[in-house]
Amino acid sequence: MNSKSSKQCIDNLGTADRARPATEPARFRASAEAEVMHGAQGYLDTLAAVHRHFQPDVYLEIGIRHGASLALAIHSRVAVGVDPAPDLRVALAENVRVMSMTSDQFFDDNPIAVLDKAIDLAFIDGMHLFEFALRDFMNVERHATAQSVIVFDDIFPNHPLQAERERQSGAWTGDVWKIMPCLRKYRPDLLLLPLDAYPAGLLLVANLDPGNHVLRTNYSAIVDELTSARAPSVGVETLSRANALAPDDPQIFAIIDRCKAQRASHSSQA
């Protein structure tokens, strides 16, 4: 295990990876208003705190970009990053394995052969379209446990243009924001904690149920409901981050500590 602290990992990252500003080609640049980004704390700092508290044995990341967030997995025995076109710009610890493939391909193959056991913590930051985010969640939960935690990126677009399914701005979340109302409606059993992280929010999901088939059974109908012409546009509640928690809110870590304790208890009884 790499002995560097999470803070050192973050400090060693370039500015673009720490803050993740709009760095896309000029053809995607919109007005300054449409490119605005907000958040009480950088998403990498928030993820680092989750890693420190939870110390997951098995960590999975979907969509690794330059490797900035994957580099935080220094507390895990196994850490796997999945991306069809990784562009690594940071050094990764020896416990990290990068799979150059889509997440669908990864889960269609034999993920346990790579992960070794059930996923403890997952970070979903893949394709910025709702149906991909939903499918990633279904697949991760199926290979997790009731004590696992899943974190979504990009749930809070800062401007309506950032929330469009077809990219029109440098700062772009797509319609990943729809994952929160989807899970609220179809999986009220889940615990959802939206976090006011920079630049586009995070969603922490706990109380997982790997045996729940509601999303899988209704997948096509859900996607049609939330991506067709009838689907609602991003609303004020999402844009204003209503009810979002500060990334250092104590109840976040209380949930993580509870999951960690339950995981330890379950392991001792196995």
Protein backbone atom coordinates (compact mmCIF):
# COMPACT_ATOMS: atom_id res chain seq x y z
CA MET A 1 0.00 0.00 0.00
CA ASN A 2 1.28 3.45 -0.87
CA SER A 3 2.11 5.35 2.30
CA LYS A 4 1.33 8.80 0.89
CA SER A 5 -1.60 10.54 2.52
CA SER A 6 -4.68 11.54 0.57
CA LYS A 7 -3.74 15.18 1.09
CA GLN A 8 -0.33 14.59 -0.46
CA CYS A 9 -1.98 12.90 -3.44
CA ILE A 10 -4.21 15.92 -3.98
CA ASP A 11 -1.35 18.38 -3.52
CA ASN A 12 0.67 16.53 -6.16
CA LEU A 13 -2.08 16.84 -8.77
CA GLY A 14 -2.08 19.59 -11.36
CA THR A 15 -4.44 22.52 -11.01
CA ALA A 16 -6.70 21.21 -13.78
CA ASP A 17 -7.22 17.95 -11.94
CA ARG A 18 -7.80 19.58 -8.55
CA ALA A 19 -10.35 22.14 -9.70
CA ARG A 20 -11.42 20.56 -12.99
CA PRO A 21 -12.27 23.79 -14.84
CA ALA A 22 -13.72 23.86 -18.33
CA THR A 23 -10.75 22.85 -20.48
CA GLU A 24 -12.59 21.54 -23.52
CA PRO A 25 -12.01 22.86 -27.05
CA ALA A 26 -13.36 26.29 -27.88
CA ARG A 27 -16.22 24.87 -29.94
CA PHE A 28 -17.88 23.87 -26.64
CA ARG A 29 -17.44 27.24 -24.97
CA ALA A 30 -20.68 29.01 -24.12
CA SER A 31 -21.23 32.34 -22.38
CA ALA A 32 -19.39 33.00 -19.14
CA GLU A 33 -22.69 32.61 -17.29
CA ALA A 34 -23.20 29.13 -18.73
CA GLU A 35 -19.67 28.07 -17.77
CA VAL A 36 -20.01 28.96 -14.08
CA MET A 37 -19.14 26.29 -11.49
CA HIS A 38 -19.91 26.18 -7.77
CA GLY A 39 -19.22 24.14 -4.67
CA ALA A 40 -18.22 24.43 -1.03
CA GLN A 41 -15.29 22.02 -1.41
CA GLY A 42 -13.45 20.40 -4.29
CA TYR A 43 -14.72 16.96 -5.24
CA LEU A 44 -11.26 15.43 -4.82
CA ASP A 45 -11.01 16.67 -1.24
CA THR A 46 -14.47 15.24 -0.55
CA LEU A 47 -13.58 11.87 -2.09
CA ALA A 48 -10.31 11.80 -0.18
CA ALA A 49 -12.23 12.22 3.09
CA VAL A 50 -14.59 9.39 2.11
CA HIS A 51 -11.61 7.12 1.41
CA ARG A 52 -9.94 8.01 4.73
CA HIS A 53 -13.08 7.32 6.76
CA PHE A 54 -14.26 4.23 4.92
CA GLN A 55 -10.92 2.65 3.94
CA PRO A 56 -12.60 0.33 1.41
CA ASP A 57 -10.96 -3.02 0.81
CA VAL A 58 -12.19 -3.07 -2.80
CA TYR A 59 -12.66 0.17 -4.73
CA LEU A 60 -14.08 0.60 -8.23
CA GLU A 61 -14.05 3.75 -10.32
CA ILE A 62 -15.93 4.16 -13.60
CA GLY A 63 -14.52 6.91 -15.79
CA ILE A 64 -11.00 7.67 -14.59
CA ARG A 65 -10.12 10.60 -16.88
CA HIS A 66 -6.55 11.61 -15.93
CA GLY A 67 -6.44 9.39 -12.83
CA ALA A 68 -6.81 12.19 -10.27
CA SER A 69 -9.57 10.54 -8.25
CA LEU A 70 -8.23 7.02 -8.78
CA ALA A 71 -4.95 8.13 -7.20
CA LEU A 72 -6.82 8.61 -3.92
CA ALA A 73 -7.38 4.86 -3.53
CA ILE A 74 -4.37 4.39 -1.26
CA HIS A 75 -6.29 2.69 1.56
CA SER A 76 -7.62 -0.18 -0.57
CA ARG A 77 -6.22 -3.65 -1.12
CA VAL A 78 -7.75 -3.69 -4.61
CA ALA A 79 -8.54 -0.59 -6.69
CA VAL A 80 -9.84 -0.85 -10.25
CA GLY A 81 -10.42 1.97 -12.72
CA VAL A 82 -12.51 1.37 -15.83
CA ASP A 83 -12.33 3.68 -18.85
CA PRO A 84 -12.41 2.99 -22.61
CA ALA A 85 -9.77 5.67 -23.25
CA PRO A 86 -7.77 6.45 -20.08
CA ASP A 87 -5.45 9.46 -20.26
CA LEU A 88 -3.39 9.03 -17.10
CA ARG A 89 -1.40 12.03 -15.97
CA VAL A 90 -0.65 11.00 -12.39
CA ALA A 91 1.21 8.09 -10.83
CA LEU A 92 -0.98 5.33 -9.41
CA ALA A 93 -0.18 3.00 -6.53
CA GLU A 94 0.68 -0.65 -7.08
CA ASN A 95 -2.74 -1.72 -5.80
CA VAL A 96 -4.44 0.02 -8.76
CA ARG A 97 -5.41 -1.75 -11.97
CA VAL A 98 -6.72 0.13 -15.02
CA MET A 99 -9.11 -1.63 -17.38
CA SER A 100 -9.24 -0.02 -20.84
CA MET A 101 -12.82 -0.86 -21.73
CA THR A 102 -16.34 0.43 -21.29
CA SER A 103 -18.12 -0.24 -18.03
CA ASP A 104 -20.67 -2.37 -19.88
CA GLN A 105 -17.86 -4.55 -21.20
CA PHE A 106 -16.31 -4.78 -17.76
CA PHE A 107 -19.52 -6.00 -16.13
CA ASP A 108 -20.42 -8.27 -19.05
CA ASP A 109 -17.12 -10.07 -18.66
CA ASN A 110 -16.14 -11.45 -15.24
CA PRO A 111 -15.73 -8.49 -12.87
CA ILE A 112 -15.16 -10.63 -9.78
CA ALA A 113 -12.07 -12.08 -11.41
CA VAL A 114 -10.61 -8.56 -11.33
CA LEU A 115 -12.22 -7.22 -8.16
CA ASP A 116 -11.61 -10.42 -6.16
CA LYS A 117 -14.67 -9.80 -3.98
CA ALA A 118 -17.67 -7.50 -3.59
CA ILE A 119 -17.20 -3.76 -4.11
CA ASP A 120 -16.97 -1.67 -0.93
CA LEU A 121 -16.80 1.79 -2.49
CA ALA A 122 -17.48 2.90 -6.06
CA PHE A 123 -17.19 6.25 -7.81
CA ILE A 124 -19.32 6.64 -10.93
CA ASP A 125 -18.00 9.34 -13.26
CA GLY A 126 -18.55 7.81 -16.67
CA MET A 127 -20.59 8.86 -19.69
CA HIS A 128 -22.60 12.01 -18.91
CA LEU A 129 -25.92 10.57 -20.00
CA PHE A 130 -28.60 9.36 -17.61
CA GLU A 131 -29.04 5.87 -19.05
CA PHE A 132 -25.32 5.13 -18.70
CA ALA A 133 -25.23 6.40 -15.12
CA LEU A 134 -28.27 4.32 -14.24
CA ARG A 135 -26.83 1.20 -15.84
CA ASP A 136 -23.53 1.72 -14.02
CA PHE A 137 -25.39 2.02 -10.73
CA MET A 138 -27.36 -1.18 -11.35
CA ASN A 139 -24.21 -3.10 -12.21
CA VAL A 140 -22.20 -1.76 -9.28
CA GLU A 141 -24.97 -2.44 -6.76
CA ARG A 142 -25.31 -6.00 -8.07
CA HIS A 143 -21.62 -6.57 -7.22
CA ALA A 144 -21.69 -4.71 -3.89
CA THR A 145 -23.09 -5.46 -0.43
CA ALA A 146 -25.61 -3.84 1.89
CA GLN A 147 -22.66 -2.15 3.62
CA SER A 148 -21.19 -0.63 0.45
CA VAL A 149 -21.25 3.00 -0.66
CA ILE A 150 -21.61 4.42 -4.18
CA VAL A 151 -20.72 8.01 -5.10
CA PHE A 152 -21.94 9.74 -8.27
CA ASP A 153 -20.24 12.74 -9.82
CA ASP A 154 -21.96 15.52 -11.84
CA ILE A 155 -25.38 15.56 -10.19
CA PHE A 156 -25.59 19.37 -9.93
CA PRO A 157 -25.31 21.27 -13.21
CA ASN A 158 -24.65 24.94 -12.50
CA HIS A 159 -26.59 26.24 -15.49
CA PRO A 160 -29.36 24.75 -17.68
CA LEU A 161 -26.99 24.53 -20.65
CA GLN A 162 -24.65 22.27 -18.66
CA ALA A 163 -27.54 19.84 -18.14
CA GLU A 164 -28.30 19.28 -21.83
CA ARG A 165 -27.89 15.77 -23.22
CA GLU A 166 -26.11 17.18 -26.27
CA ARG A 167 -23.00 19.03 -25.18
CA GLN A 168 -23.07 22.77 -25.81
CA SER A 169 -20.71 24.07 -23.10
CA GLY A 170 -17.26 23.37 -21.72
CA ALA A 171 -18.62 22.76 -18.22
CA TRP A 172 -20.99 19.87 -18.87
CA THR A 173 -22.75 17.36 -16.64
CA GLY A 174 -25.21 16.07 -19.22
CA ASP A 175 -28.38 14.72 -17.65
CA VAL A 176 -26.69 12.67 -14.93
CA TRP A 177 -28.66 14.90 -12.52
CA LYS A 178 -31.72 12.74 -13.30
CA ILE A 179 -30.24 9.87 -11.30
CA MET A 180 -31.35 11.49 -8.03
CA PRO A 181 -35.06 11.90 -8.85
CA CYS A 182 -34.96 8.46 -10.46
CA LEU A 183 -33.63 6.76 -7.33
CA ARG A 184 -35.98 8.75 -5.11
CA LYS A 185 -38.94 7.48 -7.09
CA TYR A 186 -37.98 3.90 -7.87
CA ARG A 187 -35.68 3.08 -4.94
CA PRO A 188 -37.02 4.87 -1.84
CA ASP A 189 -35.17 2.25 0.23
CA LEU A 190 -31.83 3.86 -0.64
CA LEU A 191 -30.19 6.57 1.44
CA LEU A 192 -29.30 9.53 -0.79
CA LEU A 193 -26.97 12.29 0.39
CA PRO A 194 -26.40 15.09 -2.18
CA LEU A 195 -23.19 17.01 -1.46
CA ASP A 196 -22.32 20.57 -2.40
CA ALA A 197 -18.95 19.71 -3.93
CA TYR A 198 -17.13 21.72 -6.59
CA PRO A 199 -17.61 21.81 -9.52
CA ALA A 200 -20.82 19.81 -10.11
CA GLY A 201 -21.81 18.12 -6.87
CA LEU A 202 -21.61 14.56 -5.62
CA LEU A 203 -24.30 12.08 -4.57
CA LEU A 204 -23.48 9.53 -1.89
CA VAL A 205 -25.73 6.45 -1.95
CA ALA A 206 -25.93 3.97 0.92
CA ASN A 207 -28.28 1.24 2.20
CA LEU A 208 -27.73 -0.75 -0.97
CA ASP A 209 -29.60 -3.94 -1.81
CA PRO A 210 -27.79 -6.15 -4.37
CA GLY A 211 -30.87 -8.36 -4.65
CA ASN A 212 -33.24 -5.56 -5.63
CA HIS A 213 -34.35 -5.89 -9.29
CA VAL A 214 -36.70 -2.91 -9.58
CA LEU A 215 -34.37 -0.80 -11.71
CA ARG A 216 -33.30 -3.68 -13.91
CA THR A 217 -36.87 -4.86 -14.47
CA ASN A 218 -38.07 -1.35 -15.35
CA TYR A 219 -34.90 -0.08 -17.03
CA SER A 220 -36.33 0.57 -20.51
CA ALA A 221 -39.45 2.26 -19.16
CA ILE A 222 -37.40 4.43 -16.79
CA VAL A 223 -35.02 5.53 -19.53
CA ASP A 224 -37.92 6.38 -21.81
CA GLU A 225 -39.62 8.32 -19.03
CA LEU A 226 -36.56 10.42 -18.27
CA THR A 227 -34.97 10.89 -21.69
CA SER A 228 -37.90 11.22 -24.11
CA ALA A 229 -39.38 14.50 -25.30
CA ARG A 230 -41.77 14.25 -22.35
CA ALA A 231 -38.98 14.24 -19.79
CA PRO A 232 -38.77 17.23 -17.46
CA SER A 233 -35.99 19.78 -17.87
CA VAL A 234 -33.58 20.53 -15.08
CA GLY A 235 -35.37 22.47 -12.36
CA VAL A 236 -34.62 25.17 -9.84
CA GLU A 237 -34.24 22.61 -7.03
CA THR A 238 -31.33 20.99 -8.84
CA LEU A 239 -29.72 24.20 -10.12
CA SER A 240 -29.90 25.80 -6.66
CA ARG A 241 -28.65 22.62 -4.95
CA ALA A 242 -31.60 22.68 -2.60
CA ASN A 243 -31.09 20.43 0.44
CA ALA A 244 -27.48 19.66 -0.51
CA LEU A 245 -25.19 18.98 2.43
CA ALA A 246 -21.86 20.63 3.01
CA PRO A 247 -19.17 18.09 2.05
CA ASP A 248 -17.88 18.05 5.64
CA ASP A 249 -21.31 17.62 7.27
CA PRO A 250 -20.94 15.19 10.23
CA GLN A 251 -23.92 13.08 9.16
CA ILE A 252 -22.04 12.07 5.99
CA PHE A 253 -19.26 10.52 8.00
CA ALA A 254 -21.69 9.04 10.49
CA ILE A 255 -23.24 7.08 7.61
CA ILE A 256 -19.81 6.05 6.31
CA ASP A 257 -18.67 4.99 9.78
CA ARG A 258 -21.88 2.96 10.20
CA CYS A 259 -21.28 1.19 6.89
CA LYS A 260 -17.67 0.52 7.88
CA ALA A 261 -18.71 -0.92 11.24
CA GLN A 262 -21.36 -3.12 9.63
CA ARG A 263 -18.82 -4.34 7.09
CA ALA A 264 -16.39 -5.26 9.86
CA SER A 265 -19.12 -7.05 11.82
CA HIS A 266 -20.26 -8.94 8.74
CA SER A 267 -16.68 -9.98 7.93
CA SER A 268 -16.08 -11.26 11.47
CA GLN A 269 -19.21 -13.40 11.28
CA ALA A 270 -18.39 -14.86 7.88
